[in-house]
N, C-alpha and C. Protein backbone atom coordinates (compact mmCIF):
# COMPACT_ATOMS: atom_id res chain seq x y z
N MET A 1 69.99 112.51 87.97
CA MET A 1 69.38 111.64 88.46
C MET A 1 70.71 111.26 89.41
N ALA A 2 71.29 110.91 90.75
CA ALA A 2 72.36 110.84 91.14
C ALA A 2 73.17 108.93 90.96
N ASP A 3 74.38 109.52 90.69
CA ASP A 3 75.04 108.40 90.91
C ASP A 3 74.66 107.53 92.03
N VAL A 4 74.46 105.80 91.68
CA VAL A 4 74.46 104.70 93.07
C VAL A 4 75.91 104.39 92.91
N ILE A 5 75.77 104.46 94.55
CA ILE A 5 77.31 104.09 95.02
C ILE A 5 76.98 102.46 95.97
N ASP A 6 77.98 101.76 95.42
CA ASP A 6 77.83 100.47 96.27
C ASP A 6 78.50 100.31 97.51
N LEU A 7 78.22 100.72 98.51
CA LEU A 7 78.69 101.07 99.88
C LEU A 7 79.41 99.91 99.96
N GLY A 8 78.67 98.60 99.92
CA GLY A 8 79.70 97.26 100.31
C GLY A 8 81.07 97.43 99.13
N ALA A 9 81.00 98.01 98.40
CA ALA A 9 82.47 97.79 97.63
C ALA A 9 83.21 98.88 98.19
N GLU A 10 82.56 100.49 98.57
CA GLU A 10 83.34 101.34 99.08
C GLU A 10 83.56 101.21 100.63
N ARG A 11 83.70 100.26 101.30
CA ARG A 11 83.76 99.56 102.82
C ARG A 11 85.15 98.79 102.26
N VAL A 12 84.95 98.18 101.48
CA VAL A 12 86.42 97.11 101.05
C VAL A 12 87.44 98.27 100.67
N ARG A 13 86.78 99.18 99.79
CA ARG A 13 88.40 99.93 99.01
C ARG A 13 88.74 100.47 100.34
N ARG A 14 88.10 101.61 101.19
CA ARG A 14 88.25 102.53 102.34
C ARG A 14 88.85 101.04 103.34
N ASP A 15 88.66 100.08 104.07
CA ASP A 15 89.03 99.35 104.72
C ASP A 15 90.24 98.85 104.10
N GLY A 16 90.28 98.04 103.01
CA GLY A 16 91.26 97.36 102.48
C GLY A 16 92.89 98.14 102.01
N PRO A 17 93.53 97.44 101.63
CA PRO A 17 95.24 97.23 101.78
C PRO A 17 95.06 98.98 100.73
N ASP A 18 95.82 99.62 100.15
CA ASP A 18 96.50 100.89 99.45
C ASP A 18 96.74 100.03 98.01
N PRO A 19 96.40 100.36 97.16
CA PRO A 19 96.44 99.40 95.87
C PRO A 19 98.05 99.17 95.45
N GLU A 20 98.57 99.85 96.11
CA GLU A 20 100.43 99.73 95.87
C GLU A 20 101.00 98.60 96.54
N PHE A 21 99.68 98.17 97.76
CA PHE A 21 99.96 96.81 98.19
C PHE A 21 99.61 95.57 97.79
N LEU A 22 98.98 95.65 96.86
CA LEU A 22 98.20 94.67 96.05
C LEU A 22 98.85 94.36 95.00
N ALA A 23 98.83 92.92 94.26
CA ALA A 23 99.08 92.46 93.00
C ALA A 23 97.59 91.60 92.34
N THR A 24 98.20 91.42 91.18
CA THR A 24 97.55 90.04 90.58
C THR A 24 98.21 89.13 89.70
N ASP A 25 97.83 87.53 90.07
CA ASP A 25 99.16 86.87 89.57
C ASP A 25 98.60 86.83 87.87
N GLN A 26 99.12 85.71 87.61
CA GLN A 26 98.91 85.79 85.67
C GLN A 26 97.44 84.78 85.50
N TRP A 27 97.06 84.33 86.87
CA TRP A 27 95.79 83.54 86.35
C TRP A 27 94.47 84.68 87.35
N GLY A 28 94.90 86.02 87.07
CA GLY A 28 93.95 86.87 87.81
C GLY A 28 93.62 86.72 89.56
N ARG A 29 94.19 85.88 90.41
CA ARG A 29 94.25 85.99 91.78
C ARG A 29 94.73 87.22 92.47
N GLN A 30 94.43 88.03 93.43
CA GLN A 30 94.87 89.24 94.31
C GLN A 30 95.52 88.16 95.12
N MET A 31 96.75 89.23 94.85
CA MET A 31 97.42 89.04 96.01
C MET A 31 97.91 90.14 97.23
N PHE A 32 98.18 89.93 98.47
CA PHE A 32 98.39 91.20 99.27
C PHE A 32 99.99 90.85 99.78
N THR A 33 100.42 92.31 100.00
CA THR A 33 101.88 92.67 100.69
C THR A 33 101.81 92.35 102.26
N PHE A 34 102.71 90.69 102.35
CA PHE A 34 102.79 90.41 103.96
C PHE A 34 104.25 91.70 104.69
N ALA A 35 104.69 91.71 105.18
CA ALA A 35 105.70 92.38 106.20
C ALA A 35 106.61 91.09 107.15
N LEU A 36 108.05 91.21 106.62
CA LEU A 36 108.53 90.30 107.56
C LEU A 36 109.05 90.78 108.12
N SER A 37 109.67 90.22 109.17
CA SER A 37 111.22 90.84 110.28
C SER A 37 111.81 89.78 110.60
N TYR A 38 112.94 90.35 110.91
CA TYR A 38 113.99 89.77 111.23
C TYR A 38 115.25 90.36 112.46
N GLN A 39 116.01 89.91 113.13
CA GLN A 39 116.89 90.16 113.91
C GLN A 39 118.23 89.61 113.02
N LEU A 40 119.25 90.74 113.38
CA LEU A 40 120.66 90.57 112.89
C LEU A 40 121.48 91.14 114.24
N GLY A 41 122.18 90.68 114.75
CA GLY A 41 122.65 90.97 115.77
C GLY A 41 121.50 91.88 116.69
N GLU A 42 121.88 93.04 117.14
CA GLU A 42 121.01 93.86 117.89
C GLU A 42 119.94 94.45 117.36
N LYS A 43 120.35 94.62 115.70
CA LYS A 43 119.12 95.30 115.24
C LYS A 43 117.92 94.67 114.18
N ALA A 44 117.24 95.40 114.36
CA ALA A 44 116.05 94.08 113.26
C ALA A 44 115.97 95.21 111.80
N PHE A 45 115.11 94.48 110.99
CA PHE A 45 115.14 94.56 109.70
C PHE A 45 113.94 93.77 109.51
N GLY A 46 113.31 94.74 108.27
CA GLY A 46 112.27 93.95 107.57
C GLY A 46 112.36 93.89 106.15
N VAL A 47 111.27 92.72 105.29
CA VAL A 47 111.00 92.21 104.34
C VAL A 47 109.62 92.28 103.89
N SER A 48 109.37 92.71 103.02
CA SER A 48 107.59 92.19 102.81
C SER A 48 107.86 91.01 101.22
N ILE A 49 107.19 90.39 101.28
CA ILE A 49 106.45 89.60 100.33
C ILE A 49 105.37 89.06 99.97
N LEU A 50 105.06 88.82 98.62
CA LEU A 50 103.55 88.32 98.30
C LEU A 50 103.00 87.67 98.67
N ALA A 51 101.54 87.56 98.76
CA ALA A 51 101.09 86.27 99.21
C ALA A 51 99.49 86.29 98.90
N TYR A 52 98.55 85.20 99.52
CA TYR A 52 96.95 85.14 98.50
C TYR A 52 96.27 85.19 100.03
N ASP A 53 96.75 85.03 101.02
CA ASP A 53 96.42 85.00 102.27
C ASP A 53 97.37 84.80 103.54
N PHE A 54 96.75 84.78 104.41
CA PHE A 54 98.04 84.76 105.91
C PHE A 54 98.37 83.69 105.76
N ASP A 55 97.75 82.23 105.70
CA ASP A 55 97.95 80.70 105.67
C ASP A 55 99.08 80.86 104.46
N ASP A 56 98.93 81.30 103.36
CA ASP A 56 99.69 81.36 102.20
C ASP A 56 101.57 82.25 102.35
N ALA A 57 100.78 83.28 103.35
CA ALA A 57 102.27 83.75 103.39
C ALA A 57 102.94 82.95 104.90
N GLU A 58 102.73 81.97 105.78
CA GLU A 58 103.16 81.47 106.44
C GLU A 58 103.65 80.29 105.71
N ALA A 59 102.82 79.77 104.92
CA ALA A 59 103.60 78.50 103.94
C ALA A 59 104.73 79.00 103.71
N ARG A 60 104.76 80.13 103.18
CA ARG A 60 105.68 80.75 102.15
C ARG A 60 107.06 81.10 103.15
N VAL A 61 106.91 81.93 104.31
CA VAL A 61 107.90 82.04 105.76
C VAL A 61 108.31 80.59 105.63
N GLU A 62 107.34 79.39 105.84
CA GLU A 62 108.16 77.99 106.46
C GLU A 62 109.46 77.90 105.19
N ALA A 63 108.73 77.58 103.83
CA ALA A 63 109.58 77.40 102.69
C ALA A 63 110.93 78.15 102.87
N MET A 64 111.09 79.27 103.15
CA MET A 64 112.18 80.16 103.26
C MET A 64 112.91 79.86 104.30
N ARG A 65 112.56 79.50 105.42
CA ARG A 65 113.21 78.95 106.47
C ARG A 65 114.14 77.47 106.15
N ALA A 66 113.27 77.21 105.52
CA ALA A 66 113.89 75.33 104.95
C ALA A 66 114.98 75.88 103.73
N SER A 67 114.98 76.90 103.53
CA SER A 67 115.45 76.66 101.45
C SER A 67 115.95 78.03 101.37
N LEU A 68 116.26 78.91 101.79
CA LEU A 68 116.47 80.17 101.69
C LEU A 68 117.78 80.47 101.49
N GLN A 69 118.32 80.81 100.02
CA GLN A 69 119.54 81.05 99.59
C GLN A 69 119.75 82.48 99.06
N LEU A 70 121.29 83.26 99.37
CA LEU A 70 121.50 84.05 98.45
C LEU A 70 121.87 83.61 97.15
N ASP A 71 121.41 84.35 96.07
CA ASP A 71 121.88 84.36 94.98
C ASP A 71 122.28 85.51 94.33
N GLY A 72 122.49 86.44 94.90
CA GLY A 72 123.75 87.34 94.57
C GLY A 72 122.93 88.99 94.77
N LYS A 73 123.65 89.87 94.35
CA LYS A 73 123.74 91.48 94.36
C LYS A 73 122.74 91.97 93.42
N VAL A 74 121.51 92.71 93.40
CA VAL A 74 120.85 93.21 92.48
C VAL A 74 121.11 94.80 92.03
N PHE A 75 121.52 95.01 90.59
CA PHE A 75 121.82 96.37 90.04
C PHE A 75 121.27 96.97 89.68
N SER A 76 119.70 96.37 89.06
CA SER A 76 118.69 96.90 88.73
C SER A 76 117.30 96.21 88.71
N GLU A 77 116.34 96.52 88.15
CA GLU A 77 115.18 95.99 87.91
C GLU A 77 114.40 96.70 86.86
N ARG A 78 113.82 95.44 86.12
CA ARG A 78 113.39 96.15 84.56
C ARG A 78 111.52 95.99 84.86
N PRO A 79 110.99 97.11 85.05
CA PRO A 79 109.76 96.83 85.16
C PRO A 79 108.76 95.94 84.36
N ALA A 80 107.98 94.74 85.02
CA ALA A 80 107.48 94.06 84.19
C ALA A 80 105.86 94.28 82.96
């Protein structure tokens, strides 16, 4: 007997983001990676953030506009 394939789940997997652009918060909610860009003189730069949805990403950008600060240079990162 052949395996049953959930076509709905396959469409979500195919049309959704690649796994490396997804995360799960401490409560088990899925978070997505959003791209941000900014200009510095003649050059354009980009960063990414995690957010629950587009509205949450916009709220995080607004919070950055109001309170973003430089905390220091990063020398290494320890995996979670």
